[in-house]
Amino acid sequence: MKNKIMEMGQKFSRAAVQPVMFLAIMGMMLAIAVIMQLDFMPSGIAFIGKLIKSMMDTMVNNLSIIFCVGIATALAKKKKVDAAILSLISYLIFLAANNAWLTNMGMLAEEGAVGLYGTGQNIVLGFQVVDMNVFLGLMLGCLTAYIHNKFSDVKFPEIFRIYGGSRFCFVLMIPITLALAIVLSYVWPVVNEGISILSNFIKNSGPAGVFVYAFGNRFLIPTGLHHLLWMPFCFTGIGGTAEIAGKAVQGAANIFYAEMGNASALTAMDSSIRFSVFGFAKIFGSIGIALAFIKTAKPQYKKAVKGMIIPSAFVAFAAGITEPLDFSFLFISPFLWLVHGVISGISEVLLWVLGSRTYALYGAIDTFICNSVISPSITKVYIFIIVGIVMTAVWYFVFKFLILKFNIKTPGRDDTFMAEISSDEGISIHSKTSDLDSAKLIIEGLGGSENISTVNNCFTRLRVEVKDGAKVDETILKKASQKGIITKGNNVQIIIGMDVETVKETVNSLLK
């Protein structure tokens, strides 16, 4: 049961991360649009900026349907186009059904001075419905994918064939969606109250709540379940609700994006910003850890270690993709990983207590662009930078001390490992393996095509389900272009990096 729950969590997190990957671009474009509308900009540029902001606002205001389609498509094992269409239809008919029920039962809320804010209802694509925000997309996306995977291969006799397959899934989704629309009219207000209580409890926990959240975000990375922690805080009411420009906005990241779009009228950051700063460890922690690894490497291996670590640290610093660096020491020393999580937690507590209200969800590029449109007197970005410099030194000296004190075999300290990667054979394996050859090695290492059930990916990992975990050969997998391997039962995660989607497509192509 534990493995099944873990597997379900990993499936959901890798599916939910697909839409999130587009939000970093949205955030940067929104910031650029705001900059283009500053008073000193020419009228033509300001007008274009206004158009771009309107486009990005539309994405922010409709994340629910984006998550619905994205999750359903990612979870679908086959006929992904049909799954995407079905999820979109299900979402639309839910809105229609829920609105019709609320209307006929006399349950529609009346707008107040700030619209429907605080009534538990909202306008979504023109329909007034119960305000589930992103939760509606998450729920319908998962439900649609489940029905699609279970019944999309059902076939009927020739005369009724048009009603089989994906169309049969649509037939099933009609009564299911209708029932859901009716039930949630009564259930969701109660759930919403529970979410509000949970949100207030976390907010009232002060620094302790910040530490637990920050530590969990970092410590859970090896399991792939960290997405299940930060995504609800960033994109649902668990992370808080705020009224901005007359609209109710839920989730820490969503609230920041809305504040960024109304920067000229902003006087203070919403307190939910505390859940949108876990990029701090990605930016400053990566620098400190990389310097510690280089400093503690044996003299004869320093040049090789720099070649290994600096690119990984730069990607973590600039783009917030930390897995290549994380997995260079995670399995070597879980103790160092625990310390990394603790320092991350302490760092975010310091930022909150000292008054920093700087948004930092990803890396330095996103952090700089997004915060540039809000006055430093509001974001207190100077506190963010000062604490960052201090904590970089803390990461460096703590890691250096622990590595030397306990003789931890971090990169550049293991003679056997360094001899392997320095040999001609190691060079040919790690630097000359083509994408095609690497994909073939991955398939072979996973026990062959007949042992592979599904192949998916998240930001940096190839996530594979195999039929028999005992057939997985990590010796062969390590010959492929990868940065780490995690095996839990029949679930295998191969750390690739930002090229993971290309690798997945190549593997799937070979598997037909």
Protein backbone atom coordinates (compact mmCIF):
# COMPACT_ATOMS: atom_id res chain seq x y z
CA MET A 1 0.00 0.00 0.00
CA LYS A 2 2.84 2.37 0.90
CA ASN A 3 4.50 1.78 -2.49
CA LYS A 4 1.19 2.29 -4.29
CA ILE A 5 0.58 5.59 -2.52
CA MET A 6 4.13 6.68 -3.28
CA GLU A 7 3.70 5.70 -6.92
CA MET A 8 0.40 7.55 -7.20
CA GLY A 9 1.98 10.65 -5.67
CA GLN A 10 4.87 10.52 -8.13
CA LYS A 11 2.50 10.06 -11.07
CA PHE A 12 0.47 13.07 -10.03
CA SER A 13 3.49 15.28 -9.32
CA ARG A 14 5.13 14.58 -12.66
CA ALA A 15 1.83 15.25 -14.43
CA ALA A 16 1.16 18.48 -12.53
CA VAL A 17 4.66 19.79 -13.20
CA GLN A 18 4.01 19.85 -16.97
CA PRO A 19 1.78 22.98 -16.86
CA VAL A 20 4.06 24.56 -14.23
CA MET A 21 6.96 24.46 -16.70
CA PHE A 22 5.15 27.08 -18.78
CA LEU A 23 4.51 29.41 -15.84
CA ALA A 24 8.15 30.50 -15.53
CA ILE A 25 7.93 31.90 -19.07
CA MET A 26 4.60 33.52 -18.25
CA GLY A 27 6.05 35.22 -15.17
CA MET A 28 8.99 36.66 -17.10
CA MET A 29 6.78 37.86 -19.95
CA LEU A 30 4.43 39.51 -17.45
CA ALA A 31 7.37 41.32 -15.86
CA ILE A 32 8.64 42.46 -19.27
CA ALA A 33 5.13 43.68 -20.15
CA VAL A 34 5.02 45.77 -16.96
CA ILE A 35 8.44 47.27 -17.74
CA MET A 36 7.26 48.15 -21.26
CA GLN A 37 4.41 50.19 -19.74
CA LEU A 38 6.56 52.42 -17.52
CA ASP A 39 5.95 56.15 -17.90
CA PHE A 40 9.14 56.89 -19.85
CA MET A 41 8.43 54.25 -22.51
CA PRO A 42 7.27 55.37 -26.00
CA SER A 43 3.52 55.01 -26.54
CA GLY A 44 3.98 52.23 -29.14
CA ILE A 45 6.05 50.06 -26.80
CA ALA A 46 3.66 50.76 -23.93
CA PHE A 47 0.73 49.65 -26.08
CA ILE A 48 2.47 46.38 -27.00
CA GLY A 49 3.29 45.89 -23.32
CA LYS A 50 -0.38 46.34 -22.50
CA LEU A 51 -1.33 43.67 -25.04
CA ILE A 52 1.26 41.22 -23.69
CA LYS A 53 0.11 41.85 -20.11
CA SER A 54 -3.48 41.16 -21.14
CA MET A 55 -2.36 37.86 -22.71
CA MET A 56 -0.41 36.79 -19.63
CA ASP A 57 -3.25 37.87 -17.29
CA THR A 58 -5.55 35.55 -19.21
CA MET A 59 -3.21 32.66 -18.49
CA VAL A 60 -3.00 33.56 -14.78
CA ASN A 61 -6.79 33.81 -14.53
CA ASN A 62 -7.40 30.45 -16.23
CA LEU A 63 -4.81 28.18 -14.63
CA SER A 64 -7.55 25.75 -13.63
CA ILE A 65 -8.38 24.71 -17.19
CA ILE A 66 -4.68 24.65 -18.10
CA PHE A 67 -3.98 22.24 -15.24
CA CYS A 68 -7.03 20.14 -16.18
CA VAL A 69 -5.89 19.58 -19.76
CA GLY A 70 -2.21 19.30 -18.82
CA ILE A 71 -2.72 16.69 -16.12
CA ALA A 72 -5.19 14.59 -18.12
CA THR A 73 -2.84 14.55 -21.10
CA ALA A 74 0.22 13.73 -19.02
CA LEU A 75 -1.53 10.90 -17.13
CA ALA A 76 -3.08 9.38 -20.26
CA LYS A 77 -1.17 6.25 -21.24
CA LYS A 78 -2.33 6.40 -24.87
CA LYS A 79 -4.50 8.45 -27.22
CA LYS A 80 -3.28 11.60 -25.52
CA VAL A 81 -5.02 13.91 -28.00
CA ASP A 82 -8.36 12.27 -27.19
CA ALA A 83 -7.62 12.62 -23.47
CA ALA A 84 -6.88 16.33 -23.90
CA ILE A 85 -10.13 16.91 -25.81
CA LEU A 86 -12.13 14.90 -23.27
CA SER A 87 -10.66 16.87 -20.35
CA LEU A 88 -11.53 20.17 -22.02
CA ILE A 89 -15.09 19.03 -22.69
CA SER A 90 -15.46 17.73 -19.13
CA TYR A 91 -14.27 21.04 -17.73
CA LEU A 92 -16.74 23.05 -19.82
CA ILE A 93 -19.74 20.85 -19.09
CA PHE A 94 -18.91 20.94 -15.37
CA LEU A 95 -19.09 24.73 -15.45
CA ALA A 96 -22.42 24.62 -17.29
CA ALA A 97 -23.89 21.98 -14.98
CA ASN A 98 -22.71 23.65 -11.78
CA ASN A 99 -24.02 27.04 -12.87
CA ALA A 100 -27.37 25.56 -13.91
CA TRP A 101 -27.75 23.80 -10.56
CA LEU A 102 -26.85 26.89 -8.54
CA THR A 103 -29.26 28.97 -10.64
CA ASN A 104 -32.20 26.58 -10.39
CA MET A 105 -31.69 25.99 -6.66
CA GLY A 106 -31.46 29.71 -5.95
CA MET A 107 -27.92 29.31 -4.66
CA LEU A 108 -26.19 31.96 -6.77
CA ALA A 109 -24.31 34.45 -4.62
CA GLU A 110 -24.87 38.16 -5.14
CA GLU A 111 -21.98 40.46 -5.90
CA GLY A 112 -20.86 42.87 -3.21
CA ALA A 113 -18.62 45.93 -3.23
CA VAL A 114 -15.70 43.78 -4.37
CA GLY A 115 -17.63 41.50 -6.70
CA LEU A 116 -17.92 37.85 -5.68
CA TYR A 117 -14.84 37.99 -3.46
CA GLY A 118 -15.55 36.19 -0.18
CA THR A 119 -18.79 34.57 -1.39
CA GLY A 120 -17.28 31.18 -2.24
CA GLN A 121 -18.24 31.61 -5.90
CA ASN A 122 -16.48 33.04 -8.93
CA ILE A 123 -16.91 33.73 -12.64
CA VAL A 124 -15.04 31.14 -14.73
CA LEU A 125 -15.20 31.42 -18.54
CA GLY A 126 -18.46 33.34 -18.18
CA PHE A 127 -20.11 30.90 -15.73
CA GLN A 128 -20.76 31.73 -12.08
CA VAL A 129 -19.74 28.57 -10.22
CA VAL A 130 -18.42 27.39 -6.86
CA ASP A 131 -14.93 28.82 -6.48
CA MET A 132 -12.64 25.78 -6.64
CA ASN A 133 -9.88 27.59 -8.52
CA VAL A 134 -7.02 25.26 -9.53
CA PHE A 135 -8.49 22.39 -7.46
CA LEU A 136 -11.21 21.97 -10.10
CA GLY A 137 -8.61 21.48 -12.81
CA LEU A 138 -6.59 19.06 -10.70
CA MET A 139 -9.69 17.00 -9.83
CA LEU A 140 -11.20 16.85 -13.31
CA GLY A 141 -7.80 16.24 -14.93
CA CYS A 142 -7.12 13.19 -12.72
CA LEU A 143 -10.68 11.87 -13.05
CA THR A 144 -10.70 12.24 -16.84
CA ALA A 145 -7.35 10.49 -17.14
CA TYR A 146 -8.55 7.60 -14.98
CA ILE A 147 -11.73 7.08 -17.04
CA HIS A 148 -9.79 7.46 -20.28
CA ASN A 149 -7.10 4.93 -19.32
CA LYS A 150 -9.69 2.40 -18.12
CA PHE A 151 -12.26 2.59 -20.92
CA SER A 152 -10.67 4.14 -24.02
CA ASP A 153 -10.12 0.69 -25.59
CA VAL A 154 -13.74 -0.49 -25.20
CA LYS A 155 -15.13 -1.61 -28.56
CA PHE A 156 -18.75 -2.06 -29.62
CA PRO A 157 -20.28 -4.00 -32.55
CA GLU A 158 -19.85 -2.38 -35.96
CA ILE A 159 -23.18 -0.54 -35.95
CA PHE A 160 -22.36 1.13 -32.61
CA ARG A 161 -18.60 1.47 -33.16
CA ILE A 162 -18.71 5.27 -33.22
CA TYR A 163 -19.75 5.16 -29.55
CA GLY A 164 -16.73 3.09 -28.51
CA GLY A 165 -13.23 4.04 -27.41
CA SER A 166 -12.74 7.65 -26.38
CA ARG A 167 -16.36 8.52 -27.26
CA PHE A 168 -17.51 5.95 -24.71
CA CYS A 169 -15.35 7.74 -22.15
CA PHE A 170 -17.25 10.91 -23.01
CA VAL A 171 -20.56 9.09 -22.49
CA LEU A 172 -19.35 8.03 -19.03
CA MET A 173 -18.05 11.49 -18.14
CA ILE A 174 -21.44 13.15 -18.74
CA PRO A 175 -23.25 11.62 -15.72
CA ILE A 176 -20.06 11.63 -13.64
CA THR A 177 -19.47 15.33 -14.29
CA LEU A 178 -23.12 16.15 -13.64
CA ALA A 179 -23.07 14.31 -10.30
CA LEU A 180 -19.81 16.01 -9.39
CA ALA A 181 -21.21 19.44 -10.27
CA ILE A 182 -24.23 18.88 -8.01
CA VAL A 183 -22.37 17.31 -5.08
CA LEU A 184 -19.62 19.95 -5.06
CA SER A 185 -22.22 22.70 -4.86
CA TYR A 186 -22.77 21.53 -1.26
CA VAL A 187 -19.47 19.87 -0.38
CA TRP A 188 -16.96 22.40 -1.67
CA PRO A 189 -18.01 25.29 0.59
CA VAL A 190 -17.21 22.99 3.54
CA VAL A 191 -13.90 21.94 1.98
CA ASN A 192 -13.11 25.57 1.24
CA GLU A 193 -13.65 26.41 4.91
CA GLY A 194 -11.26 23.61 5.85
CA ILE A 195 -8.66 24.93 3.41
CA SER A 196 -9.05 28.39 4.92
CA ILE A 197 -8.50 27.01 8.43
CA LEU A 198 -5.41 25.06 7.27
CA SER A 199 -4.06 28.13 5.50
CA ASN A 200 -4.57 30.31 8.57
CA PHE A 201 -2.92 27.70 10.80
CA ILE A 202 0.17 27.62 8.59
CA LYS A 203 0.28 31.41 8.43
CA ASN A 204 -0.09 31.70 12.20
CA SER A 205 2.74 29.20 12.74
CA GLY A 206 5.17 32.01 11.94
CA PRO A 207 8.86 31.12 11.49
CA ALA A 208 8.25 27.48 12.49
CA GLY A 209 5.80 27.05 9.61
CA VAL A 210 8.23 28.69 7.20
CA PHE A 211 11.02 26.33 8.31
CA VAL A 212 8.96 23.16 7.94
CA TYR A 213 7.76 24.24 4.49
CA ALA A 214 11.25 25.20 3.29
CA PHE A 215 12.92 22.10 4.73
CA GLY A 216 10.29 19.82 3.18
CA ASN A 217 10.64 21.43 -0.23
CA ARG A 218 14.34 20.64 -0.26
CA PHE A 219 14.43 17.33 1.61
CA LEU A 220 11.68 15.65 -0.47
CA ILE A 221 13.44 16.18 -3.81
CA PRO A 222 14.87 12.61 -3.98
CA THR A 223 11.36 11.16 -3.74
CA GLY A 224 9.98 13.43 -6.44
CA LEU A 225 7.14 14.31 -4.07
CA HIS A 226 8.29 17.86 -3.31
CA HIS A 227 5.91 19.04 -6.04
CA LEU A 228 3.03 17.87 -3.86
CA LEU A 229 4.18 20.31 -1.17
CA TRP A 230 4.96 23.51 -3.02
CA MET A 231 2.40 23.40 -5.83
CA PRO A 232 -0.69 23.57 -3.57
CA PHE A 233 0.86 26.49 -1.67
CA CYS A 234 1.78 28.33 -4.84
CA PHE A 235 -1.33 27.70 -6.94
CA THR A 236 -4.26 26.96 -4.60
CA GLY A 237 -6.00 28.53 -1.63
CA ILE A 238 -3.75 26.63 0.80
CA GLY A 239 -1.09 29.24 0.07
CA GLY A 240 -3.51 32.06 0.84
CA THR A 241 -6.17 34.21 -0.80
CA ALA A 242 -5.94 37.92 -1.60
CA GLU A 243 -8.12 40.52 -3.25
CA ILE A 244 -6.16 42.35 -5.94
CA ALA A 245 -7.68 44.88 -8.33
CA GLY A 246 -11.14 43.69 -7.32
CA LYS A 247 -10.44 40.02 -8.03
CA ALA A 248 -9.92 37.09 -5.64
CA VAL A 249 -6.58 35.40 -6.26
CA GLN A 250 -5.51 32.12 -4.65
CA GLY A 251 -2.03 30.69 -4.19
CA ALA A 252 1.27 32.40 -3.33
CA ALA A 253 2.67 32.46 -6.87
CA ASN A 254 -0.64 33.54 -8.40
CA ILE A 255 -0.93 36.35 -5.85
CA PHE A 256 2.56 37.56 -6.70
CA TYR A 257 1.84 37.51 -10.44
CA ALA A 258 -1.32 39.54 -9.81
CA GLU A 259 0.63 42.00 -7.63
CA MET A 260 3.29 42.27 -10.32
CA GLY A 261 0.61 43.16 -12.87
CA ASN A 262 -0.62 45.93 -10.54
CA ALA A 263 2.79 47.08 -9.31
CA SER A 264 1.96 50.79 -9.60
CA ALA A 265 -0.78 50.49 -6.98
CA LEU A 266 1.14 48.13 -4.68
CA THR A 267 2.07 49.31 -1.19
CA ALA A 268 3.03 45.99 0.45
CA MET A 269 3.51 42.35 -0.52
CA ASP A 270 0.91 39.84 0.62
CA SER A 271 2.15 37.57 3.42
CA SER A 272 1.80 34.54 1.14
CA ILE A 273 5.12 35.56 -0.45
CA ARG A 274 6.81 33.43 2.22
CA PHE A 275 5.83 30.35 0.20
CA SER A 276 7.44 31.66 -3.00
CA VAL A 277 11.08 32.02 -1.97
CA PHE A 278 12.42 28.46 -2.13
CA GLY A 279 14.49 29.54 -5.12
CA PHE A 280 16.83 31.16 -2.55
CA ALA A 281 18.58 27.84 -1.90
CA LYS A 282 18.81 27.21 -5.63
CA ILE A 283 20.57 30.53 -6.20
CA PHE A 284 22.86 30.88 -3.19
CA GLY A 285 23.08 27.34 -1.83
CA SER A 286 24.32 26.01 -5.15
CA ILE A 287 27.22 28.48 -5.15
CA GLY A 288 28.31 27.62 -1.61
CA ILE A 289 28.08 23.87 -2.15
CA ALA A 290 29.93 23.99 -5.48
CA LEU A 291 32.77 26.01 -3.94
CA ALA A 292 33.00 23.53 -1.04
CA PHE A 293 33.26 20.59 -3.43
CA ILE A 294 35.98 22.27 -5.47
CA LYS A 295 37.91 23.34 -2.35
CA THR A 296 37.84 19.86 -0.75
CA ALA A 297 38.67 17.94 -3.95
CA LYS A 298 42.11 16.36 -4.08
CA PRO A 299 44.63 18.59 -5.92
CA GLN A 300 45.04 16.20 -8.85
CA TYR A 301 41.27 16.13 -9.42
CA LYS A 302 40.36 19.82 -8.97
CA LYS A 303 40.34 20.56 -12.69
CA ALA A 304 38.06 17.59 -13.40
CA VAL A 305 35.76 18.52 -10.52
CA LYS A 306 35.45 22.08 -11.80
CA GLY A 307 34.40 20.69 -15.17
CA MET A 308 31.76 18.54 -13.46
CA ILE A 309 30.44 20.93 -10.82
CA ILE A 310 30.56 24.44 -12.32
CA PRO A 311 28.08 23.75 -15.18
CA SER A 312 25.66 22.07 -12.74
CA ALA A 313 25.98 24.94 -10.27
CA PHE A 314 25.43 27.52 -13.00
CA VAL A 315 22.23 25.83 -14.20
CA ALA A 316 20.99 25.73 -10.59
CA PHE A 317 21.93 29.37 -9.99
CA ALA A 318 20.56 30.79 -13.24
CA ALA A 319 17.54 28.59 -13.99
CA GLY A 320 16.76 26.93 -10.65
CA ILE A 321 17.33 23.39 -11.94
CA THR A 322 19.26 21.82 -9.07
CA GLU A 323 18.99 18.08 -9.72
CA PRO A 324 22.36 17.73 -11.54
CA LEU A 325 24.12 19.26 -8.54
CA ASP A 326 21.88 17.58 -5.95
CA PHE A 327 22.56 14.11 -7.23
CA SER A 328 26.32 14.65 -7.27
CA PHE A 329 26.26 14.21 -3.45
CA LEU A 330 22.78 13.06 -2.40
CA PHE A 331 23.53 9.33 -2.49
CA ILE A 332 27.15 9.77 -1.48
CA SER A 333 26.09 11.37 1.81
CA PRO A 334 22.42 11.54 2.89
CA PHE A 335 23.75 13.36 5.96
CA LEU A 336 24.97 16.25 3.80
CA TRP A 337 21.56 16.28 2.13
CA LEU A 338 19.86 16.56 5.53
CA VAL A 339 22.15 19.46 6.45
CA HIS A 340 21.35 21.10 3.10
CA GLY A 341 17.65 20.92 3.94
CA VAL A 342 18.19 22.39 7.41
CA ILE A 343 20.24 25.33 6.07
CA SER A 344 17.56 25.93 3.42
CA GLY A 345 14.91 26.08 6.14
CA ILE A 346 16.97 28.45 8.31
CA SER A 347 17.62 30.68 5.30
CA GLU A 348 13.95 31.16 4.50
CA VAL A 349 13.13 31.81 8.15
CA LEU A 350 15.80 34.55 8.21
CA LEU A 351 14.39 36.11 5.05
CA TRP A 352 10.91 36.21 6.57
CA VAL A 353 11.97 37.46 10.02
CA LEU A 354 14.29 40.15 8.61
CA GLY A 355 11.56 41.49 6.34
CA SER A 356 12.55 40.32 2.86
CA ARG A 357 9.50 40.05 0.60
CA THR A 358 11.36 39.07 -2.54
CA TYR A 359 9.81 36.54 -4.91
CA ALA A 360 12.22 33.69 -5.80
CA LEU A 361 10.52 30.60 -7.16
CA TYR A 362 13.11 29.46 -9.70
CA GLY A 363 16.61 30.77 -10.45
CA ALA A 364 18.42 34.10 -10.59
CA ILE A 365 17.15 35.07 -14.06
CA ASP A 366 13.48 34.69 -13.15
CA THR A 367 14.05 36.27 -9.73
CA PHE A 368 15.76 39.34 -11.16
CA ILE A 369 13.23 39.97 -13.95
CA CYS A 370 10.11 39.44 -11.84
CA ASN A 371 11.23 41.57 -8.90
CA SER A 372 12.55 44.38 -11.11
CA VAL A 373 9.03 45.73 -11.70
CA ILE A 374 8.25 46.20 -7.99
CA SER A 375 9.86 48.88 -5.84
CA PRO A 376 12.83 47.60 -3.77
CA SER A 377 11.27 49.43 -0.80
CA ILE A 378 8.44 46.87 -1.01
CA THR A 379 10.33 43.68 -1.91
CA LYS A 380 13.31 44.53 0.34
CA VAL A 381 15.46 42.80 -2.27
CA TYR A 382 18.60 44.18 -0.63
CA ILE A 383 17.85 42.01 2.43
CA PHE A 384 17.47 39.02 0.09
CA ILE A 385 20.92 39.69 -1.41
CA ILE A 386 22.66 40.35 1.93
CA VAL A 387 21.22 37.21 3.50
CA GLY A 388 22.15 35.35 0.31
CA ILE A 389 25.80 36.37 0.57
CA VAL A 390 25.94 35.42 4.25
CA MET A 391 24.21 32.06 3.71
CA THR A 392 26.44 31.25 0.73
CA ALA A 393 29.35 31.47 3.15
CA VAL A 394 27.45 29.32 5.67
CA TRP A 395 26.79 26.64 3.05
CA TYR A 396 30.44 26.74 1.99
CA PHE A 397 32.03 26.53 5.45
CA VAL A 398 29.56 23.99 6.86
CA PHE A 399 29.92 21.67 3.86
CA LYS A 400 33.70 22.10 3.82
CA PHE A 401 33.94 21.30 7.54
CA LEU A 402 31.69 18.23 7.35
CA ILE A 403 33.36 16.84 4.23
CA LEU A 404 36.83 17.07 5.78
CA LYS A 405 35.72 16.07 9.29
CA PHE A 406 33.96 12.87 8.19
CA ASN A 407 36.03 12.25 5.04
CA ILE A 408 32.91 12.26 2.86
CA LYS A 409 33.65 11.06 -0.67
CA THR A 410 32.19 14.02 -2.52
CA PRO A 411 33.29 14.64 -6.15
CA GLY A 412 37.08 14.72 -6.36
CA ARG A 413 37.70 12.74 -3.17
CA ASP A 414 37.03 9.20 -4.38
CA ASP A 415 40.11 7.83 -6.20
CA THR A 416 38.22 4.89 -7.71
CA PHE A 417 35.41 7.03 -9.11
CA MET A 418 37.76 9.70 -10.45
CA ALA A 419 39.94 7.05 -12.09
CA GLU A 420 36.89 5.65 -13.85
CA ILE A 421 35.66 8.95 -15.30
CA SER A 422 39.19 9.98 -16.23
CA SER A 423 39.87 6.81 -18.22
CA ASP A 424 39.48 6.65 -21.98
CA GLU A 425 36.57 4.27 -21.53
CA GLY A 426 34.85 6.67 -19.11
CA ILE A 427 35.31 9.61 -21.49
CA SER A 428 33.84 7.69 -24.41
CA ILE A 429 30.85 6.65 -22.33
CA HIS A 430 30.02 9.97 -20.71
CA SER A 431 30.92 12.52 -23.35
CA LYS A 432 30.63 10.75 -26.68
CA THR A 433 27.45 8.73 -26.24
CA SER A 434 24.92 9.90 -28.81
CA ASP A 435 21.28 10.50 -27.92
CA LEU A 436 20.29 7.39 -29.83
CA ASP A 437 22.95 5.19 -28.23
CA SER A 438 22.07 6.60 -24.81
CA ALA A 439 18.38 5.80 -25.34
CA LYS A 440 19.29 2.24 -26.35
CA LEU A 441 21.37 1.84 -23.20
CA ILE A 442 18.48 3.12 -21.11
CA ILE A 443 16.08 0.60 -22.65
CA GLU A 444 18.58 -2.21 -22.17
CA GLY A 445 19.30 -1.17 -18.58
CA LEU A 446 15.58 -1.13 -17.81
CA GLY A 447 15.34 -4.80 -18.72
CA GLY A 448 14.44 -4.42 -22.39
CA SER A 449 11.35 -3.06 -24.12
CA GLU A 450 9.18 -5.92 -22.88
CA ASN A 451 9.87 -4.87 -19.27
CA ILE A 452 8.89 -1.21 -19.72
CA SER A 453 5.30 -0.14 -18.94
CA THR A 454 5.33 3.65 -19.22
CA VAL A 455 7.88 6.39 -19.91
CA ASN A 456 7.30 9.98 -18.76
CA ASN A 457 9.35 12.94 -17.62
CA CYS A 458 9.29 15.98 -15.33
CA PHE A 459 11.70 18.95 -15.28
CA THR A 460 14.91 16.92 -15.33
CA ARG A 461 14.00 13.27 -14.75
CA LEU A 462 13.00 10.39 -16.95
CA ARG A 463 10.33 8.57 -14.93
CA VAL A 464 9.75 4.96 -15.94
CA GLU A 465 7.49 2.22 -14.65
CA VAL A 466 8.81 -1.29 -15.27
CA LYS A 467 7.04 -4.63 -14.88
CA ASP A 468 9.84 -6.25 -12.90
CA GLY A 469 12.23 -4.08 -10.91
CA ALA A 470 14.64 -6.98 -10.50
CA LYS A 471 15.47 -6.82 -14.22
CA VAL A 472 16.77 -3.24 -13.97
CA ASP A 473 20.55 -3.15 -14.43
CA GLU A 474 22.02 0.08 -13.04
CA THR A 475 25.47 -0.83 -14.39
CA ILE A 476 24.12 -0.51 -17.92
CA LEU A 477 22.03 2.59 -17.10
CA LYS A 478 25.13 4.37 -15.80
CA LYS A 479 26.72 4.02 -19.24
CA ALA A 480 24.00 6.26 -20.68
CA SER A 481 24.13 10.06 -20.50
CA GLN A 482 22.67 10.57 -17.03
CA LYS A 483 23.45 12.24 -13.72
CA GLY A 484 21.85 9.83 -11.27
CA ILE A 485 19.46 6.90 -10.85
CA ILE A 486 16.73 6.30 -8.26
CA THR A 487 15.00 2.91 -8.10
CA LYS A 488 11.99 2.25 -5.86
CA GLY A 489 10.25 -1.02 -6.62
CA ASN A 490 9.01 -0.86 -10.19
CA ASN A 491 9.52 2.90 -10.43
CA VAL A 492 12.81 4.10 -11.91
CA GLN A 493 13.88 7.75 -12.10
CA ILE A 494 16.86 8.62 -14.30
CA ILE A 495 18.28 12.12 -13.80
CA ILE A 496 18.98 13.55 -17.26
CA GLY A 497 18.87 17.35 -17.05
CA MET A 498 17.13 19.86 -19.28
CA ASP A 499 17.40 17.51 -22.29
CA VAL A 500 15.10 15.01 -20.62
CA GLU A 501 12.17 15.59 -22.97
CA THR A 502 14.34 14.85 -26.01
CA VAL A 503 15.58 11.66 -24.33
CA LYS A 504 12.01 10.61 -23.52
CA GLU A 505 10.89 11.13 -27.12
CA THR A 506 13.88 9.13 -28.40
CA VAL A 507 13.19 6.28 -25.97
CA ASN A 508 9.47 6.25 -26.85
CA SER A 509 10.32 6.28 -30.54
CA LEU A 510 12.53 3.20 -30.12
CA LEU A 511 9.78 1.52 -28.11
CA LYS A 512 7.28 2.42 -30.83
